[in-house]
Amino acid sequence: MMGMGGGIFWWIVMAVLLVIPFYRILPRYGLPAYAAFLAVFPLVALILLWIIAFKDKFDEAAK
């Protein structure tokens, strides 16, 4: 019988498991590490993944 406390606990665990990889990866792509905390929102996480995926193409176009 998990009440509201159990649901919040799992939400926090999943948020931490999502933020830590973004926190480690984002500085390698020239993005601020604190932006990883915004990745708990699904749309922001998706946008960050697209930025990471196409970062080399953006850099080549700027040269």
N, C-alpha and C. Protein backbone atom coordinates (compact mmCIF):
# COMPACT_ATOMS: atom_id res chain seq x y z
N MET A 1 0.83 -1.18 0.00
CA MET A 1 0.00 0.00 0.00
C MET A 1 0.87 1.24 0.00
N MET A 2 1.15 1.71 -1.20
CA MET A 2 1.92 2.95 -1.30
C MET A 2 0.96 4.12 -1.42
N GLY A 3 1.14 5.04 -0.54
CA GLY A 3 0.32 6.24 -0.60
C GLY A 3 1.00 7.29 -1.44
N MET A 4 0.71 8.52 -1.15
CA MET A 4 1.28 9.63 -1.89
C MET A 4 2.80 9.70 -1.70
N GLY A 5 3.29 9.33 -0.51
CA GLY A 5 4.73 9.39 -0.23
C GLY A 5 5.52 8.46 -1.13
N GLY A 6 5.01 7.28 -1.41
CA GLY A 6 5.70 6.34 -2.29
C GLY A 6 5.79 6.86 -3.71
N GLY A 7 4.76 7.50 -4.20
CA GLY A 7 4.77 8.06 -5.55
C GLY A 7 5.77 9.19 -5.69
N ILE A 8 5.85 10.02 -4.69
CA ILE A 8 6.80 11.14 -4.70
C ILE A 8 8.23 10.61 -4.65
N PHE A 9 8.45 9.57 -3.83
CA PHE A 9 9.78 8.97 -3.73
C PHE A 9 10.24 8.47 -5.09
N TRP A 10 9.42 7.76 -5.81
CA TRP A 10 9.80 7.22 -7.12
C TRP A 10 9.98 8.33 -8.14
N TRP A 11 9.20 9.40 -8.04
CA TRP A 11 9.37 10.53 -8.95
C TRP A 11 10.74 11.17 -8.74
N ILE A 12 11.14 11.30 -7.48
CA ILE A 12 12.45 11.89 -7.18
C ILE A 12 13.58 10.98 -7.66
N VAL A 13 13.43 9.68 -7.45
CA VAL A 13 14.46 8.73 -7.92
C VAL A 13 14.60 8.81 -9.44
N MET A 14 13.49 8.82 -10.15
CA MET A 14 13.55 8.89 -11.62
C MET A 14 14.13 10.23 -12.08
N ALA A 15 13.80 11.32 -11.39
CA ALA A 15 14.35 12.63 -11.76
C ALA A 15 15.86 12.66 -11.57
N VAL A 16 16.35 12.08 -10.49
CA VAL A 16 17.79 12.04 -10.24
C VAL A 16 18.48 11.19 -11.31
N LEU A 17 17.88 10.06 -11.65
CA LEU A 17 18.47 9.19 -12.68
C LEU A 17 18.49 9.86 -14.06
N LEU A 18 17.64 10.82 -14.27
CA LEU A 18 17.62 11.55 -15.53
C LEU A 18 18.59 12.74 -15.51
N VAL A 19 18.67 13.43 -14.40
CA VAL A 19 19.47 14.65 -14.31
C VAL A 19 20.97 14.35 -14.32
N ILE A 20 21.40 13.31 -13.63
CA ILE A 20 22.84 13.03 -13.51
C ILE A 20 23.51 12.85 -14.88
N PRO A 21 22.98 12.03 -15.79
CA PRO A 21 23.64 11.91 -17.11
C PRO A 21 23.66 13.23 -17.88
N PHE A 22 22.57 13.97 -17.85
CA PHE A 22 22.55 15.27 -18.54
C PHE A 22 23.58 16.21 -17.91
N TYR A 23 23.72 16.19 -16.59
CA TYR A 23 24.66 17.06 -15.89
C TYR A 23 26.09 16.75 -16.31
N ARG A 24 26.39 15.50 -16.57
CA ARG A 24 27.74 15.11 -16.97
C ARG A 24 27.99 15.37 -18.46
N ILE A 25 26.97 15.26 -19.30
CA ILE A 25 27.13 15.35 -20.75
C ILE A 25 27.07 16.78 -21.27
N LEU A 26 26.19 17.60 -20.74
CA LEU A 26 25.96 18.94 -21.31
C LEU A 26 27.22 19.80 -21.40
N PRO A 27 28.10 19.83 -20.39
CA PRO A 27 29.31 20.67 -20.54
C PRO A 27 30.21 20.24 -21.70
N ARG A 28 30.18 18.98 -22.08
CA ARG A 28 30.99 18.51 -23.21
C ARG A 28 30.51 19.11 -24.53
N TYR A 29 29.26 19.54 -24.56
CA TYR A 29 28.69 20.12 -25.77
C TYR A 29 28.58 21.64 -25.67
N GLY A 30 29.23 22.22 -24.68
CA GLY A 30 29.24 23.67 -24.54
C GLY A 30 27.98 24.26 -23.94
N LEU A 31 27.18 23.44 -23.30
CA LEU A 31 25.96 23.91 -22.66
C LEU A 31 26.18 23.94 -21.15
N PRO A 32 25.52 24.87 -20.45
CA PRO A 32 25.72 24.93 -19.00
C PRO A 32 25.18 23.68 -18.30
N ALA A 33 25.90 23.21 -17.30
CA ALA A 33 25.52 21.98 -16.59
C ALA A 33 24.20 22.16 -15.84
N TYR A 34 23.92 23.37 -15.37
CA TYR A 34 22.69 23.57 -14.61
C TYR A 34 21.43 23.39 -15.47
N ALA A 35 21.57 23.41 -16.77
CA ALA A 35 20.42 23.16 -17.65
C ALA A 35 19.92 21.73 -17.49
N ALA A 36 20.74 20.86 -16.92
CA ALA A 36 20.33 19.47 -16.70
C ALA A 36 19.14 19.39 -15.75
N PHE A 37 19.03 20.33 -14.84
CA PHE A 37 17.92 20.30 -13.90
C PHE A 37 16.59 20.58 -14.59
N LEU A 38 16.63 21.21 -15.74
CA LEU A 38 15.41 21.44 -16.51
C LEU A 38 14.97 20.19 -17.26
N ALA A 39 15.84 19.19 -17.33
CA ALA A 39 15.53 17.97 -18.07
C ALA A 39 14.47 17.12 -17.40
N VAL A 40 14.07 17.46 -16.18
CA VAL A 40 12.99 16.70 -15.54
C VAL A 40 11.66 16.95 -16.25
N PHE A 41 11.61 18.01 -17.04
CA PHE A 41 10.43 18.27 -17.85
C PHE A 41 10.63 17.58 -19.20
N PRO A 42 9.72 16.72 -19.60
CA PRO A 42 9.94 15.90 -20.80
C PRO A 42 10.24 16.70 -22.07
N LEU A 43 9.56 17.80 -22.29
CA LEU A 43 9.79 18.58 -23.50
C LEU A 43 11.20 19.17 -23.51
N VAL A 44 11.67 19.65 -22.37
CA VAL A 44 13.01 20.20 -22.27
C VAL A 44 14.05 19.11 -22.50
N ALA A 45 13.82 17.93 -21.94
CA ALA A 45 14.74 16.81 -22.15
C ALA A 45 14.83 16.46 -23.62
N LEU A 46 13.71 16.46 -24.30
CA LEU A 46 13.69 16.16 -25.73
C LEU A 46 14.46 17.22 -26.52
N ILE A 47 14.28 18.48 -26.18
CA ILE A 47 15.00 19.56 -26.85
C ILE A 47 16.50 19.43 -26.61
N LEU A 48 16.90 19.12 -25.37
CA LEU A 48 18.32 18.96 -25.08
C LEU A 48 18.92 17.80 -25.86
N LEU A 49 18.16 16.71 -25.99
CA LEU A 49 18.65 15.58 -26.78
C LEU A 49 18.84 15.95 -28.24
N TRP A 50 17.94 16.75 -28.79
CA TRP A 50 18.08 17.18 -30.18
C TRP A 50 19.29 18.10 -30.34
N ILE A 51 19.52 18.98 -29.37
CA ILE A 51 20.68 19.86 -29.43
C ILE A 51 21.96 19.05 -29.40
N ILE A 52 22.02 18.06 -28.51
CA ILE A 52 23.20 17.20 -28.42
C ILE A 52 23.40 16.42 -29.71
N ALA A 53 22.33 15.91 -30.27
CA ALA A 53 22.43 15.08 -31.47
C ALA A 53 22.96 15.86 -32.67
N PHE A 54 22.59 17.12 -32.79
CA PHE A 54 22.96 17.89 -33.97
C PHE A 54 23.98 18.98 -33.68
N LYS A 55 24.65 18.94 -32.54
CA LYS A 55 25.60 19.97 -32.16
C LYS A 55 26.74 20.09 -33.16
N ASP A 56 27.27 18.98 -33.65
CA ASP A 56 28.38 19.05 -34.60
C ASP A 56 27.94 19.70 -35.91
N LYS A 57 26.72 19.49 -36.33
CA LYS A 57 26.22 20.12 -37.54
C LYS A 57 26.10 21.64 -37.36
N PHE A 58 25.69 22.08 -36.14
CA PHE A 58 25.59 23.51 -35.88
C PHE A 58 26.99 24.13 -35.90
N ASP A 59 27.97 23.44 -35.34
CA ASP A 59 29.33 23.97 -35.30
C ASP A 59 29.93 24.07 -36.71
N GLU A 60 29.67 23.07 -37.56
CA GLU A 60 30.21 23.09 -38.92
C GLU A 60 29.57 24.20 -39.74
N ALA A 61 28.28 24.46 -39.53
CA ALA A 61 27.59 25.50 -40.28
C ALA A 61 28.10 26.90 -39.89
N ALA A 62 28.56 27.05 -38.66
CA ALA A 62 29.02 28.35 -38.19
C ALA A 62 30.41 28.69 -38.75
N LYS A 63 31.16 27.70 -39.20
CA LYS A 63 32.52 27.95 -39.70
C LYS A 63 32.54 28.38 -41.13
